[in-house]
Amino acid sequence: MRVVVVGGGGRLGQLIIARAALEGHEATAVGRHDNLEQRLKRHSDDSVVVDVATPGSTAQHVASCLVQGVPLVIGTTGLSSADQAAIDDAARSIPVLVAANLSPGAHLVALLATMAAKAMPDADVEIVEVHHRKKKDAPSGTALMLAKAVEQARGSARIVTAREGVALREPGDIGVVAVRGGDVVGEHTVGFFVDGERVELVHKVSDRGIFAKGALQAARFLVGKAPGRYQMSEVLQASLH
């Protein structure tokens, strides 16, 4: 497999390239402002693009993959409505996978959270995420992914990302709390609280290399797939069979 990593000069991009070499894949780094379409014209066969660049140029990368007919994995967070529209349009012609978190374990927690939400329909749900002091966005994309998994399982709910002053919990609320400090790579806890007990689902990342492993797992999954918009949960499900 030939992997073209957009944002290959960044921390995660470098990890993906190093991991690809270990797995025997050919990997190429492309900057977020480089001409991705020209690069793909030369090497489009058997290629998969993995975009982990910072936000702002995702729609351009999607368009380049669409023109060249190349599968695309997007690990960029903070996508705009224009980015989402471009992705939806491209998914009619090429396979595209979008994931706020490329860790397979995080998506396993999302699957378990869906099951718990259905099994404990009256539980109060609170999500706490912890990241390093330099993380820019809050709450994290993974925390919101987990909240939406619970929301979809229940059919309706309100995601609350801030409380201050008099802020009584409303029935069905899904609380999300962001904590920042130190060098924590990423921790997420989904708590289901009922009178007398609580259930907690916890995911902790200690090595950023797990995101590179997940990115390549997603890339392999897309090879040969029909056009469409895919999710990491489908990659996870495929590994269970």
Protein backbone atom coordinates (compact mmCIF):
# COMPACT_ATOMS: atom_id res chain seq x y z
CA MET A 1 0.00 0.00 0.00
CA ARG A 2 1.23 3.50 -0.84
CA VAL A 3 0.32 6.03 1.86
CA VAL A 4 0.36 9.76 1.17
CA VAL A 5 0.34 11.63 4.49
CA VAL A 6 -0.92 15.21 4.33
CA GLY A 7 0.59 17.00 7.30
CA GLY A 8 3.45 14.52 7.21
CA GLY A 9 5.81 17.03 8.79
CA GLY A 10 3.75 17.24 11.97
CA ARG A 11 4.12 15.07 15.04
CA LEU A 12 1.36 12.60 14.12
CA GLY A 13 2.29 12.65 10.44
CA GLN A 14 5.85 11.65 11.26
CA LEU A 15 4.60 8.80 13.44
CA ILE A 16 2.37 7.53 10.62
CA ILE A 17 5.27 7.59 8.15
CA ALA A 18 7.54 5.75 10.58
CA ARG A 19 4.85 3.17 11.34
CA ALA A 20 4.14 2.68 7.62
CA ALA A 21 7.81 1.88 7.02
CA LEU A 22 7.75 -0.70 9.82
CA GLU A 23 4.69 -2.33 8.25
CA GLY A 24 6.32 -2.43 4.82
CA HIS A 25 4.26 0.31 3.17
CA GLU A 26 5.58 3.10 0.96
CA ALA A 27 4.87 6.45 2.63
CA THR A 28 5.19 10.00 1.33
CA ALA A 29 4.85 13.24 3.30
CA VAL A 30 2.93 16.17 1.81
CA GLY A 31 2.61 19.61 3.40
CA ARG A 32 -0.85 21.08 3.90
CA HIS A 33 -0.15 23.75 1.27
CA ASP A 34 1.60 21.45 -1.23
CA ASN A 35 -0.09 20.46 -4.49
CA LEU A 36 -1.62 17.13 -3.46
CA GLU A 37 -3.34 16.62 -6.82
CA GLN A 38 -0.04 16.83 -8.71
CA ARG A 39 1.53 14.35 -6.30
CA LEU A 40 -1.37 11.93 -6.77
CA LYS A 41 -1.21 12.20 -10.56
CA ARG A 42 2.20 10.57 -10.39
CA HIS A 43 1.28 7.93 -7.80
CA SER A 44 -2.48 7.35 -7.69
CA ASP A 45 -2.51 3.56 -8.14
CA ASP A 46 -2.85 1.66 -4.86
CA SER A 47 -2.55 4.95 -2.96
CA VAL A 48 -4.49 6.00 0.13
CA VAL A 49 -4.32 9.56 1.45
CA VAL A 50 -4.24 10.13 5.20
CA ASP A 51 -4.94 13.77 6.08
CA VAL A 52 -3.78 14.78 9.56
CA ALA A 53 -2.98 18.39 8.72
CA THR A 54 -4.28 21.28 10.79
CA PRO A 55 -7.72 22.63 9.77
CA GLY A 56 -8.15 25.07 6.92
CA SER A 57 -7.30 23.13 3.79
CA THR A 58 -9.26 19.90 4.19
CA ALA A 59 -11.76 20.71 1.42
CA GLN A 60 -8.86 21.18 -1.03
CA HIS A 61 -7.39 17.82 -0.10
CA VAL A 62 -10.79 16.16 -0.50
CA ALA A 63 -11.14 17.70 -3.97
CA SER A 64 -7.70 16.40 -5.01
CA CYS A 65 -8.55 12.86 -3.90
CA LEU A 66 -11.88 13.07 -5.70
CA VAL A 67 -10.27 14.10 -8.99
CA GLN A 68 -7.71 11.29 -8.78
CA GLY A 69 -10.12 8.68 -7.40
CA VAL A 70 -8.02 7.99 -4.31
CA PRO A 71 -9.43 6.76 -0.94
CA LEU A 72 -9.09 9.25 1.91
CA VAL A 73 -8.73 8.99 5.68
CA ILE A 74 -9.30 12.28 7.53
CA GLY A 75 -8.02 12.60 11.08
CA THR A 76 -8.21 16.41 11.15
CA THR A 77 -10.51 17.83 13.84
CA GLY A 78 -12.42 21.10 13.82
CA LEU A 79 -13.85 20.57 10.32
CA SER A 80 -16.02 23.38 8.96
CA SER A 81 -19.45 23.02 7.38
CA ALA A 82 -17.77 23.56 3.99
CA ASP A 83 -15.36 20.70 4.74
CA GLN A 84 -18.26 18.43 5.70
CA ALA A 85 -20.13 19.31 2.51
CA ALA A 86 -17.03 18.55 0.42
CA ILE A 87 -16.64 15.21 2.19
CA ASP A 88 -20.28 14.26 1.60
CA ASP A 89 -19.95 15.15 -2.07
CA ALA A 90 -16.71 13.19 -2.51
CA ALA A 91 -18.12 10.13 -0.72
CA ARG A 92 -20.46 9.61 -3.67
CA SER A 93 -17.43 8.73 -5.78
CA ILE A 94 -14.62 7.59 -3.44
CA PRO A 95 -14.39 5.91 -0.02
CA VAL A 96 -13.80 8.45 2.77
CA LEU A 97 -13.31 7.78 6.47
CA VAL A 98 -13.50 10.64 8.98
CA ALA A 99 -12.43 10.13 12.59
CA ALA A 100 -11.91 12.65 15.39
CA ASN A 101 -9.83 9.98 17.10
CA LEU A 102 -7.84 7.36 15.18
CA SER A 103 -7.37 5.12 18.22
CA PRO A 104 -9.29 1.83 17.82
CA GLY A 105 -9.73 1.68 21.61
CA ALA A 106 -11.60 4.98 21.72
CA HIS A 107 -14.13 3.63 19.25
CA LEU A 108 -14.50 0.47 21.29
CA VAL A 109 -15.43 2.69 24.25
CA ALA A 110 -17.97 4.49 22.02
CA LEU A 111 -19.51 1.12 21.12
CA LEU A 112 -19.66 0.11 24.79
CA ALA A 113 -21.12 3.53 25.68
CA THR A 114 -23.90 2.92 23.18
CA MET A 115 -24.68 -0.41 24.82
CA ALA A 116 -24.58 1.10 28.32
CA ALA A 117 -26.84 3.99 27.29
CA LYS A 118 -29.49 1.51 26.16
CA ALA A 119 -29.04 -0.80 29.16
CA MET A 120 -29.20 2.12 31.65
CA PRO A 121 -31.74 4.49 30.08
CA ASP A 122 -32.31 6.47 33.29
CA ALA A 123 -28.65 6.97 34.18
CA ASP A 124 -27.10 10.43 34.40
CA VAL A 125 -24.22 10.51 31.91
CA GLU A 126 -21.11 12.61 32.49
CA ILE A 127 -17.97 12.59 30.34
CA VAL A 128 -14.63 13.86 31.64
CA GLU A 129 -11.69 14.31 29.27
CA VAL A 130 -8.10 15.15 30.26
CA HIS A 131 -5.43 16.41 27.86
CA HIS A 132 -2.06 18.15 27.95
CA ARG A 133 -1.81 21.85 28.68
CA LYS A 134 -1.16 22.80 25.03
CA LYS A 135 -4.32 21.33 23.53
CA LYS A 136 -6.20 24.11 21.76
CA ASP A 137 -9.79 22.85 21.45
CA ALA A 138 -12.20 22.01 24.25
CA PRO A 139 -14.01 19.77 24.67
CA SER A 140 -12.05 17.27 22.65
CA GLY A 141 -13.43 15.77 19.48
CA THR A 142 -13.33 12.36 21.12
CA ALA A 143 -15.41 13.55 24.08
CA LEU A 144 -18.02 14.92 21.70
CA MET A 145 -17.93 11.66 19.72
CA LEU A 146 -18.66 9.73 22.92
CA ALA A 147 -21.44 12.15 23.87
CA LYS A 148 -23.04 11.78 20.45
CA ALA A 149 -22.85 7.98 20.72
CA VAL A 150 -24.92 8.18 23.92
CA GLU A 151 -27.23 10.78 22.38
CA GLN A 152 -27.93 8.61 19.34
CA ALA A 153 -28.49 5.51 21.48
CA ARG A 154 -31.14 7.34 23.50
CA GLY A 155 -32.78 9.10 20.58
CA SER A 156 -32.75 12.51 22.21
CA ALA A 157 -30.58 14.27 24.76
CA ARG A 158 -28.90 17.60 25.45
CA ILE A 159 -25.10 17.80 25.42
CA VAL A 160 -23.93 20.32 28.05
CA THR A 161 -20.33 21.49 27.73
CA ALA A 162 -20.33 24.21 30.41
CA ARG A 163 -21.96 24.80 33.77
CA GLU A 164 -21.67 27.89 35.93
CA GLY A 165 -23.72 29.42 38.72
CA VAL A 166 -27.16 27.86 39.16
CA ALA A 167 -26.99 25.03 36.65
CA LEU A 168 -29.26 22.20 37.71
CA ARG A 169 -28.97 19.00 35.74
CA GLU A 170 -31.94 18.45 33.45
CA PRO A 171 -33.24 14.93 32.79
CA GLY A 172 -31.36 13.40 29.89
CA ASP A 173 -28.43 15.84 29.98
CA ILE A 174 -25.04 14.55 28.86
CA GLY A 175 -22.37 16.55 30.64
CA VAL A 176 -18.92 17.03 29.11
CA VAL A 177 -16.03 18.41 31.18
CA ALA A 178 -12.57 19.34 29.83
CA VAL A 179 -9.46 19.25 32.03
CA ARG A 180 -6.07 20.54 30.83
CA GLY A 181 -2.67 20.04 32.41
CA GLY A 182 0.78 18.51 32.16
CA ASP A 183 1.68 16.22 29.26
CA VAL A 184 -1.37 13.94 29.28
CA VAL A 185 -1.80 12.45 25.79
CA GLY A 186 -5.50 11.80 26.28
CA GLU A 187 -7.91 10.30 28.79
CA HIS A 188 -11.69 9.93 28.52
CA THR A 189 -14.12 8.61 31.12
CA VAL A 190 -17.82 8.05 30.44
CA GLY A 191 -19.76 7.70 33.69
CA PHE A 192 -23.29 6.31 34.00
CA PHE A 193 -24.74 7.33 37.38
CA VAL A 194 -27.85 5.84 39.01
CA ASP A 195 -28.86 5.86 42.65
CA GLY A 196 -26.74 3.29 44.45
CA GLU A 197 -24.11 2.62 41.78
CA ARG A 198 -22.27 3.90 38.74
CA VAL A 199 -20.57 2.37 35.72
CA GLU A 200 -17.47 3.98 34.21
CA LEU A 201 -15.89 3.34 30.83
CA VAL A 202 -12.30 4.60 30.68
CA HIS A 203 -9.88 5.02 27.79
CA LYS A 204 -6.30 6.24 28.32
CA VAL A 205 -3.62 6.84 25.71
CA SER A 206 -0.01 6.73 26.86
CA ASP A 207 1.69 6.55 23.45
CA ARG A 208 0.75 8.70 20.44
CA GLY A 209 1.90 5.86 18.22
CA ILE A 210 -1.50 4.25 18.73
CA PHE A 211 -3.01 6.98 16.53
CA ALA A 212 -0.57 6.11 13.74
CA LYS A 213 -1.45 2.44 14.06
CA GLY A 214 -5.15 3.30 13.81
CA ALA A 215 -4.60 5.58 10.81
CA LEU A 216 -2.93 2.78 8.86
CA GLN A 217 -5.58 0.30 9.96
CA ALA A 218 -8.20 2.69 8.57
CA ALA A 219 -6.22 3.13 5.34
CA ARG A 220 -6.02 -0.63 4.79
CA PHE A 221 -9.75 -0.90 5.45
CA LEU A 222 -10.55 1.58 2.66
CA VAL A 223 -8.53 -0.22 -0.03
CA GLY A 224 -11.01 -1.75 -2.46
CA LYS A 225 -14.06 -0.33 -0.67
CA ALA A 226 -17.02 1.08 -2.58
CA PRO A 227 -17.61 4.85 -2.51
CA GLY A 228 -19.17 6.03 0.72
CA ARG A 229 -18.53 7.68 4.06
CA TYR A 230 -17.07 5.25 6.58
CA GLN A 231 -16.32 5.40 10.32
CA MET A 232 -13.67 3.93 12.61
CA SER A 233 -16.42 1.90 14.26
CA GLU A 234 -16.69 -0.05 10.98
CA VAL A 235 -12.94 -0.66 11.01
CA LEU A 236 -13.33 -1.96 14.55
CA GLN A 237 -16.26 -4.18 13.61
CA ALA A 238 -14.28 -5.62 10.69
CA SER A 239 -11.45 -6.59 13.05
CA LEU A 240 -13.90 -8.49 15.25
CA HIS A 241 -14.83 -10.91 12.49
